[in-house]
């Protein structure tokens, strides 16, 4: 699990727990007559399951849907995918947990609007709080020691100028003015060690040195940076505006 996925999981779990507390205190879905502790346990379990399902849906959407730069489409798709099964889950679980039997089908329609409303609120917070900002690294004026990452350069590239770092599965391809090579490392870890060099993450799989950018082009709604040595690096839609505002292209 990457650091980004861990952050998403923690954020989602925190929002689920907060929603569970609100639903408990307000006695939502006609549970107000039940003991407080019982309501809290119930909603923590229900919202926890919903949170895990939402995380799975979020990853499927990110993988298969064109949502970069389109947060409201992301929210709509996520709400639909999560709310549909949650309506039935809340209908079944509430009856069984509090009354020992399933509600009748006639009890389902009144639950739909409240479930969709709660789901939409949580999904909106999930998407808006999770909108990515590119990790930027900065040179340290007057620094005596170089960025820690430079110590990881393969022997044949020692002393080379780093142009870009590209993730390839579990490896990183280091693009330099002396050629390229692979090292075993995750990009999320590399970004922590690249501080000391002026650059930024341009895509989930790329970090680029700012002084290596020689031009930019657009096609199919996406930007591509041309770097020294003829290397091309993609710019994710989710990072495009921030990098453009920072003068990258």
C-alpha atoms as a PDB file:
ATOM      1  CA  UNK A   1       0.000   0.000   0.000  1.00  0.00           C
ATOM      2  CA  UNK A   2       1.420   3.362  -1.037  1.00  0.00           C
ATOM      3  CA  UNK A   3       1.636   6.378   1.259  1.00  0.00           C
ATOM      4  CA  UNK A   4      -1.090   8.041  -0.815  1.00  0.00           C
ATOM      5  CA  UNK A   5      -3.416   5.059  -0.341  1.00  0.00           C
ATOM      6  CA  UNK A   6      -2.734   5.043   3.398  1.00  0.00           C
ATOM      7  CA  UNK A   7      -3.623   8.735   3.615  1.00  0.00           C
ATOM      8  CA  UNK A   8      -6.841   8.111   1.677  1.00  0.00           C
ATOM      9  CA  UNK A   9      -7.749   5.237   3.985  1.00  0.00           C
ATOM     10  CA  UNK A  10      -7.133   7.275   7.140  1.00  0.00           C
ATOM     11  CA  UNK A  11      -9.080  10.235   5.774  1.00  0.00           C
ATOM     12  CA  UNK A  12     -12.006   8.016   4.742  1.00  0.00           C
ATOM     13  CA  UNK A  13     -12.068   6.216   8.100  1.00  0.00           C
ATOM     14  CA  UNK A  14     -12.021   9.534   9.961  1.00  0.00           C
ATOM     15  CA  UNK A  15     -14.967  10.872   7.966  1.00  0.00           C
ATOM     16  CA  UNK A  16     -16.872   7.613   8.452  1.00  0.00           C
ATOM     17  CA  UNK A  17     -16.335   7.794  12.217  1.00  0.00           C
ATOM     18  CA  UNK A  18     -17.461  11.443  12.314  1.00  0.00           C
ATOM     19  CA  UNK A  19     -20.587  10.596  10.306  1.00  0.00           C
ATOM     20  CA  UNK A  20     -21.298   7.674  12.640  1.00  0.00           C
ATOM     21  CA  UNK A  21     -21.193  10.000  15.651  1.00  0.00           C
ATOM     22  CA  UNK A  22     -23.579  12.464  13.979  1.00  0.00           C
ATOM     23  CA  UNK A  23     -26.021   9.694  13.022  1.00  0.00           C
ATOM     24  CA  UNK A  24     -25.839   8.302  16.557  1.00  0.00           C
ATOM     25  CA  UNK A  25     -26.483  11.617  18.288  1.00  0.00           C
ATOM     26  CA  UNK A  26     -29.342  12.550  15.954  1.00  0.00           C
ATOM     27  CA  UNK A  27     -30.999   9.127  16.221  1.00  0.00           C
ATOM     28  CA  UNK A  28     -31.138   8.854  12.453  1.00  0.00           C
ATOM     29  CA  UNK A  29     -33.393   6.324  10.698  1.00  0.00           C
ATOM     30  CA  UNK A  30     -35.738   6.064  13.679  1.00  0.00           C
ATOM     31  CA  UNK A  31     -33.056   4.681  16.001  1.00  0.00           C
ATOM     32  CA  UNK A  32     -33.365   7.467  18.582  1.00  0.00           C
ATOM     33  CA  UNK A  33     -35.214   5.271  21.103  1.00  0.00           C
ATOM     34  CA  UNK A  34     -32.341   2.773  21.221  1.00  0.00           C
ATOM     35  CA  UNK A  35     -29.513   2.984  23.804  1.00  0.00           C
ATOM     36  CA  UNK A  36     -26.777   5.422  22.847  1.00  0.00           C
ATOM     37  CA  UNK A  37     -23.963   2.833  23.009  1.00  0.00           C
ATOM     38  CA  UNK A  38     -25.914   0.422  20.846  1.00  0.00           C
ATOM     39  CA  UNK A  39     -26.563   3.110  18.238  1.00  0.00           C
ATOM     40  CA  UNK A  40     -22.902   4.127  18.205  1.00  0.00           C
ATOM     41  CA  UNK A  41     -21.682   0.554  17.670  1.00  0.00           C
ATOM     42  CA  UNK A  42     -24.221   0.064  14.899  1.00  0.00           C
ATOM     43  CA  UNK A  43     -23.327   3.215  12.996  1.00  0.00           C
ATOM     44  CA  UNK A  44     -19.583   2.711  13.392  1.00  0.00           C
ATOM     45  CA  UNK A  45     -19.927  -0.729  11.793  1.00  0.00           C
ATOM     46  CA  UNK A  46     -22.252   0.441   9.009  1.00  0.00           C
ATOM     47  CA  UNK A  47     -20.193   3.517   8.169  1.00  0.00           C
ATOM     48  CA  UNK A  48     -16.969   1.519   8.394  1.00  0.00           C
ATOM     49  CA  UNK A  49     -18.264  -0.964   5.833  1.00  0.00           C
ATOM     50  CA  UNK A  50     -19.448   1.912   3.683  1.00  0.00           C
ATOM     51  CA  UNK A  51     -16.023   3.529   3.940  1.00  0.00           C
ATOM     52  CA  UNK A  52     -14.231   0.384   2.733  1.00  0.00           C
ATOM     53  CA  UNK A  53     -16.709  -0.043  -0.120  1.00  0.00           C
ATOM     54  CA  UNK A  54     -16.261   3.619  -1.012  1.00  0.00           C
ATOM     55  CA  UNK A  55     -12.486   3.218  -1.163  1.00  0.00           C
ATOM     56  CA  UNK A  56     -12.853   0.313  -3.580  1.00  0.00           C
ATOM     57  CA  UNK A  57     -15.303   2.278  -5.734  1.00  0.00           C
ATOM     58  CA  UNK A  58     -12.990   5.281  -5.695  1.00  0.00           C
ATOM     59  CA  UNK A  59     -10.088   3.238  -7.020  1.00  0.00           C
ATOM     60  CA  UNK A  60     -12.261   1.691  -9.753  1.00  0.00           C
ATOM     61  CA  UNK A  61     -13.443   5.135 -10.832  1.00  0.00           C
ATOM     62  CA  UNK A  62      -9.906   6.542 -10.825  1.00  0.00           C
ATOM     63  CA  UNK A  63      -8.753   3.625 -12.963  1.00  0.00           C
ATOM     64  CA  UNK A  64     -11.552   3.425 -15.515  1.00  0.00           C
ATOM     65  CA  UNK A  65     -13.258   6.845 -15.685  1.00  0.00           C
ATOM     66  CA  UNK A  66     -11.878  10.117 -17.079  1.00  0.00           C
ATOM     67  CA  UNK A  67     -12.347  12.193 -13.947  1.00  0.00           C
ATOM     68  CA  UNK A  68      -9.129  14.195 -13.760  1.00  0.00           C
ATOM     69  CA  UNK A  69     -10.076  17.853 -13.539  1.00  0.00           C
ATOM     70  CA  UNK A  70     -13.781  16.920 -13.265  1.00  0.00           C
ATOM     71  CA  UNK A  71     -14.503  16.670  -9.520  1.00  0.00           C
ATOM     72  CA  UNK A  72     -18.302  16.900  -9.811  1.00  0.00           C
ATOM     73  CA  UNK A  73     -18.419  13.965 -12.220  1.00  0.00           C
ATOM     74  CA  UNK A  74     -16.207  12.093  -9.759  1.00  0.00           C
ATOM     75  CA  UNK A  75     -18.603  12.912  -6.896  1.00  0.00           C
ATOM     76  CA  UNK A  76     -21.653  11.839  -8.935  1.00  0.00           C
ATOM     77  CA  UNK A  77     -20.152   8.497  -9.986  1.00  0.00           C
ATOM     78  CA  UNK A  78     -18.887   7.758  -6.484  1.00  0.00           C
ATOM     79  CA  UNK A  79     -22.239   8.638  -4.889  1.00  0.00           C
ATOM     80  CA  UNK A  80     -24.166   6.386  -7.285  1.00  0.00           C
ATOM     81  CA  UNK A  81     -21.816   3.436  -6.824  1.00  0.00           C
ATOM     82  CA  UNK A  82     -21.801   3.707  -3.027  1.00  0.00           C
ATOM     83  CA  UNK A  83     -25.416   4.701  -2.354  1.00  0.00           C
ATOM     84  CA  UNK A  84     -27.108   1.916  -4.330  1.00  0.00           C
ATOM     85  CA  UNK A  85     -25.845  -1.009  -2.213  1.00  0.00           C
ATOM     86  CA  UNK A  86     -25.842   1.090   0.980  1.00  0.00           C
ATOM     87  CA  UNK A  87     -29.611   1.649   0.700  1.00  0.00           C
ATOM     88  CA  UNK A  88     -30.187  -2.087   0.866  1.00  0.00           C
ATOM     89  CA  UNK A  89     -27.490  -2.558   3.513  1.00  0.00           C
ATOM     90  CA  UNK A  90     -29.019   0.038   5.854  1.00  0.00           C
ATOM     91  CA  UNK A  91     -32.520  -1.326   5.212  1.00  0.00           C
ATOM     92  CA  UNK A  92     -31.470  -4.884   6.081  1.00  0.00           C
ATOM     93  CA  UNK A  93     -29.015  -4.100   8.883  1.00  0.00           C
ATOM     94  CA  UNK A  94     -31.253  -1.650  10.736  1.00  0.00           C
ATOM     95  CA  UNK A  95     -34.140  -4.091  10.957  1.00  0.00           C
ATOM     96  CA  UNK A  96     -31.989  -7.033  11.969  1.00  0.00           C
ATOM     97  CA  UNK A  97     -29.824  -5.154  14.482  1.00  0.00           C
ATOM     98  CA  UNK A  98     -32.559  -3.236  16.284  1.00  0.00           C
ATOM     99  CA  UNK A  99     -35.634  -5.416  15.774  1.00  0.00           C
ATOM    100  CA  UNK A 100     -34.289  -8.879  15.119  1.00  0.00           C
ATOM    101  CA  UNK A 101     -35.970  -9.149  11.726  1.00  0.00           C
ATOM    102  CA  UNK A 102     -35.848  -7.611   8.277  1.00  0.00           C
ATOM    103  CA  UNK A 103     -37.881  -4.540   7.551  1.00  0.00           C
ATOM    104  CA  UNK A 104     -40.590  -5.040   4.940  1.00  0.00           C
ATOM    105  CA  UNK A 105     -39.998  -3.814   1.395  1.00  0.00           C
ATOM    106  CA  UNK A 106     -42.409  -0.956   2.050  1.00  0.00           C
ATOM    107  CA  UNK A 107     -39.853   0.374   4.575  1.00  0.00           C
ATOM    108  CA  UNK A 108     -37.153   0.655   1.895  1.00  0.00           C
ATOM    109  CA  UNK A 109     -38.304   3.735  -0.127  1.00  0.00           C
ATOM    110  CA  UNK A 110     -38.308   6.119   2.894  1.00  0.00           C
ATOM    111  CA  UNK A 111     -34.673   5.167   3.550  1.00  0.00           C
ATOM    112  CA  UNK A 112     -33.437   5.999   0.047  1.00  0.00           C
ATOM    113  CA  UNK A 113     -33.312   9.814   0.285  1.00  0.00           C
ATOM    114  CA  UNK A 114     -31.587   9.933   3.715  1.00  0.00           C
ATOM    115  CA  UNK A 115     -29.025   7.313   2.653  1.00  0.00           C
ATOM    116  CA  UNK A 116     -28.294   9.104  -0.638  1.00  0.00           C
ATOM    117  CA  UNK A 117     -27.996  12.443   1.190  1.00  0.00           C
ATOM    118  CA  UNK A 118     -25.507  11.106   3.741  1.00  0.00           C
ATOM    119  CA  UNK A 119     -23.577   9.257   1.026  1.00  0.00           C
ATOM    120  CA  UNK A 120     -23.413  12.339  -1.208  1.00  0.00           C
ATOM    121  CA  UNK A 121     -22.113  14.467   1.665  1.00  0.00           C
ATOM    122  CA  UNK A 122     -19.382  11.983   2.557  1.00  0.00           C
ATOM    123  CA  UNK A 123     -18.430  11.440  -1.106  1.00  0.00           C
ATOM    124  CA  UNK A 124     -18.218  15.193  -1.694  1.00  0.00           C
ATOM    125  CA  UNK A 125     -15.851  15.606   1.241  1.00  0.00           C
ATOM    126  CA  UNK A 126     -13.839  12.577   0.116  1.00  0.00           C
ATOM    127  CA  UNK A 127     -13.315  13.951  -3.387  1.00  0.00           C
ATOM    128  CA  UNK A 128     -12.735  17.609  -2.507  1.00  0.00           C
ATOM    129  CA  UNK A 129     -10.376  16.883   0.383  1.00  0.00           C
ATOM    130  CA  UNK A 130      -8.566  14.294  -1.684  1.00  0.00           C
ATOM    131  CA  UNK A 131      -7.897  16.525  -4.700  1.00  0.00           C
ATOM    132  CA  UNK A 132      -4.229  16.105  -5.340  1.00  0.00           C
ATOM    133  CA  UNK A 133      -1.661  18.865  -5.185  1.00  0.00           C
ATOM    134  CA  UNK A 134       1.661  18.036  -6.840  1.00  0.00           C
ATOM    135  CA  UNK A 135       4.495  17.493  -4.410  1.00  0.00           C
ATOM    136  CA  UNK A 136       7.095  20.147  -5.131  1.00  0.00           C
ATOM    137  CA  UNK A 137      10.724  19.973  -4.086  1.00  0.00           C
ATOM    138  CA  UNK A 138      12.944  23.011  -3.678  1.00  0.00           C
ATOM    139  CA  UNK A 139      16.610  23.782  -3.936  1.00  0.00           C
ATOM    140  CA  UNK A 140      18.318  24.934  -0.764  1.00  0.00           C
ATOM    141  CA  UNK A 141      20.410  28.064  -1.505  1.00  0.00           C
ATOM    142  CA  UNK A 142      23.879  27.725  -0.086  1.00  0.00           C
ATOM    143  CA  UNK A 143      23.350  24.084   0.917  1.00  0.00           C
ATOM    144  CA  UNK A 144      26.628  22.233   1.373  1.00  0.00           C
ATOM    145  CA  UNK A 145      25.234  18.741   0.908  1.00  0.00           C
ATOM    146  CA  UNK A 146      23.116  17.735  -2.128  1.00  0.00           C
ATOM    147  CA  UNK A 147      19.652  16.206  -1.930  1.00  0.00           C
ATOM    148  CA  UNK A 148      19.758  12.813  -0.219  1.00  0.00           C
ATOM    149  CA  UNK A 149      18.379  11.172  -3.333  1.00  0.00           C
ATOM    150  CA  UNK A 150      21.608  11.866  -5.237  1.00  0.00           C
ATOM    151  CA  UNK A 151      23.375   9.353  -3.004  1.00  0.00           C
ATOM    152  CA  UNK A 152      21.263   6.647  -4.639  1.00  0.00           C
ATOM    153  CA  UNK A 153      22.597   7.308  -8.138  1.00  0.00           C
ATOM    154  CA  UNK A 154      24.185   4.197  -9.713  1.00  0.00           C
ATOM    155  CA  UNK A 155      27.992   4.388  -9.961  1.00  0.00           C
ATOM    156  CA  UNK A 156      27.997   5.102 -13.704  1.00  0.00           C
ATOM    157  CA  UNK A 157      25.682   8.091 -13.161  1.00  0.00           C
ATOM    158  CA  UNK A 158      27.477   9.621 -10.188  1.00  0.00           C
ATOM    159  CA  UNK A 159      27.947  13.321 -10.780  1.00  0.00           C
ATOM    160  CA  UNK A 160      25.324  13.392 -13.534  1.00  0.00           C
ATOM    161  CA  UNK A 161      22.616  16.046 -13.663  1.00  0.00           C
ATOM    162  CA  UNK A 162      19.222  14.610 -12.781  1.00  0.00           C
ATOM    163  CA  UNK A 163      16.527  15.493 -15.325  1.00  0.00           C
ATOM    164  CA  UNK A 164      13.571  13.347 -14.257  1.00  0.00           C
ATOM    165  CA  UNK A 165      12.535  10.327 -12.243  1.00  0.00           C
ATOM    166  CA  UNK A 166      10.006   7.904 -13.732  1.00  0.00           C
ATOM    167  CA  UNK A 167       8.268   5.088 -11.839  1.00  0.00           C
ATOM    168  CA  UNK A 168       8.283   1.684 -13.518  1.00  0.00           C
ATOM    169  CA  UNK A 169       6.516  -0.919 -11.371  1.00  0.00           C
ATOM    170  CA  UNK A 170       8.643  -1.205  -8.212  1.00  0.00           C
ATOM    171  CA  UNK A 171      11.606   0.551  -9.820  1.00  0.00           C
ATOM    172  CA  UNK A 172      12.531   4.123 -10.657  1.00  0.00           C
ATOM    173  CA  UNK A 173      14.137   5.066 -13.946  1.00  0.00           C
ATOM    174  CA  UNK A 174      16.575   7.922 -13.441  1.00  0.00           C
ATOM    175  CA  UNK A 175      16.868  10.170 -16.493  1.00  0.00           C
ATOM    176  CA  UNK A 176      20.105  12.150 -16.491  1.00  0.00           C
ATOM    177  CA  UNK A 177      22.370  14.036 -18.902  1.00  0.00           C
ATOM    178  CA  UNK A 178      24.540  10.876 -18.996  1.00  0.00           C
ATOM    179  CA  UNK A 179      21.795   8.414 -19.820  1.00  0.00           C
ATOM    180  CA  UNK A 180      19.331   6.494 -17.668  1.00  0.00           C
ATOM    181  CA  UNK A 181      19.346   3.601 -15.225  1.00  0.00           C
ATOM    182  CA  UNK A 182      17.008   1.805 -12.801  1.00  0.00           C
ATOM    183  CA  UNK A 183      17.033   1.629  -9.024  1.00  0.00           C
ATOM    184  CA  UNK A 184      14.720  -0.270  -6.683  1.00  0.00           C
ATOM    185  CA  UNK A 185      12.631   2.357  -4.866  1.00  0.00           C
ATOM    186  CA  UNK A 186       9.099   3.752  -4.665  1.00  0.00           C
ATOM    187  CA  UNK A 187       8.387   7.208  -6.045  1.00  0.00           C
ATOM    188  CA  UNK A 188       6.596   8.218  -2.824  1.00  0.00           C
ATOM    189  CA  UNK A 189       9.826   7.567  -0.904  1.00  0.00           C
ATOM    190  CA  UNK A 190      11.962   9.252  -3.542  1.00  0.00           C
ATOM    191  CA  UNK A 191       9.914  12.454  -3.340  1.00  0.00           C
ATOM    192  CA  UNK A 192      10.908  12.814   0.313  1.00  0.00           C
ATOM    193  CA  UNK A 193      14.594  12.578  -0.616  1.00  0.00           C
ATOM    194  CA  UNK A 194      14.445  14.828  -3.681  1.00  0.00           C
ATOM    195  CA  UNK A 195      13.960  17.940  -1.555  1.00  0.00           C
ATOM    196  CA  UNK A 196      17.024  20.050  -2.227  1.00  0.00           C
ATOM    197  CA  UNK A 197      16.425  19.924  -5.982  1.00  0.00           C
ATOM    198  CA  UNK A 198      14.018  22.338  -7.684  1.00  0.00           C
ATOM    199  CA  UNK A 199      11.301  20.214  -9.242  1.00  0.00           C
ATOM    200  CA  UNK A 200       7.832  18.751  -8.887  1.00  0.00           C
ATOM    201  CA  UNK A 201       5.721  15.695  -9.376  1.00  0.00           C
ATOM    202  CA  UNK A 202       4.005  16.175 -12.744  1.00  0.00           C
ATOM    203  CA  UNK A 203       2.169  12.855 -12.811  1.00  0.00           C
ATOM    204  CA  UNK A 204       1.627  10.008 -10.386  1.00  0.00           C
ATOM    205  CA  UNK A 205       4.624   8.292 -12.036  1.00  0.00           C
ATOM    206  CA  UNK A 206       6.929  11.256 -12.714  1.00  0.00           C
ATOM    207  CA  UNK A 207       9.078  13.832 -10.954  1.00  0.00           C
ATOM    208  CA  UNK A 208      10.743  16.463 -13.166  1.00  0.00           C
ATOM    209  CA  UNK A 209      13.545  18.954 -12.523  1.00  0.00           C
ATOM    210  CA  UNK A 210      12.185  22.400 -13.351  1.00  0.00           C
ATOM    211  CA  UNK A 211      15.350  23.636 -15.058  1.00  0.00           C
ATOM    212  CA  UNK A 212      15.202  20.672 -17.449  1.00  0.00           C
ATOM    213  CA  UNK A 213      11.904  21.794 -19.043  1.00  0.00           C
ATOM    214  CA  UNK A 214      12.382  23.047 -22.600  1.00  0.00           C
ATOM    215  CA  UNK A 215       8.793  23.233 -23.803  1.00  0.00           C
ATOM    216  CA  UNK A 216       5.247  21.994 -23.440  1.00  0.00           C
ATOM    217  CA  UNK A 217       2.552  20.741 -25.787  1.00  0.00           C
ATOM    218  CA  UNK A 218      -1.078  19.824 -25.421  1.00  0.00           C
ATOM    219  CA  UNK A 219      -3.044  17.001 -26.988  1.00  0.00           C
ATOM    220  CA  UNK A 220      -6.167  15.080 -26.077  1.00  0.00           C
ATOM    221  CA  UNK A 221      -6.704  17.518 -23.228  1.00  0.00           C
ATOM    222  CA  UNK A 222      -3.365  16.670 -21.617  1.00  0.00           C
ATOM    223  CA  UNK A 223      -0.072  18.505 -21.396  1.00  0.00           C
ATOM    224  CA  UNK A 224       3.315  16.965 -22.110  1.00  0.00           C
ATOM    225  CA  UNK A 225       6.626  18.493 -21.084  1.00  0.00           C
ATOM    226  CA  UNK A 226       9.679  18.255 -23.343  1.00  0.00           C
ATOM    227  CA  UNK A 227      12.838  17.937 -21.292  1.00  0.00           C
ATOM    228  CA  UNK A 228      16.563  18.077 -21.977  1.00  0.00           C
ATOM    229  CA  UNK A 229      17.709  15.111 -24.031  1.00  0.00           C
ATOM    230  CA  UNK A 230      14.388  14.872 -25.853  1.00  0.00           C
ATOM    231  CA  UNK A 231      12.687  13.182 -22.890  1.00  0.00           C
ATOM    232  CA  UNK A 232       8.930  13.731 -22.664  1.00  0.00           C
ATOM    233  CA  UNK A 233       7.057  13.695 -19.348  1.00  0.00           C
ATOM    234  CA  UNK A 234       3.261  13.689 -18.978  1.00  0.00           C
ATOM    235  CA  UNK A 235       1.378  16.220 -16.879  1.00  0.00           C
ATOM    236  CA  UNK A 236      -1.622  14.818 -15.065  1.00  0.00           C
ATOM    237  CA  UNK A 237      -4.829  16.826 -15.352  1.00  0.00           C
ATOM    238  CA  UNK A 238      -5.036  16.868 -11.576  1.00  0.00           C
ATOM    239  CA  UNK A 239      -1.672  18.671 -11.401  1.00  0.00           C
ATOM    240  CA  UNK A 240      -1.946  20.788 -14.547  1.00  0.00           C
ATOM    241  CA  UNK A 241      -3.448  23.958 -13.102  1.00  0.00           C
ATOM    242  CA  UNK A 242      -1.077  24.134 -10.135  1.00  0.00           C
ATOM    243  CA  UNK A 243       1.983  23.631 -12.333  1.00  0.00           C
ATOM    244  CA  UNK A 244       0.724  26.121 -14.910  1.00  0.00           C
ATOM    245  CA  UNK A 245       0.116  28.736 -12.216  1.00  0.00           C
ATOM    246  CA  UNK A 246       3.642  28.115 -10.930  1.00  0.00           C
ATOM    247  CA  UNK A 247       5.033  28.967 -14.365  1.00  0.00           C
ATOM    248  CA  UNK A 248       6.075  25.506 -15.483  1.00  0.00           C
ATOM    249  CA  UNK A 249       4.492  25.945 -18.900  1.00  0.00           C
END
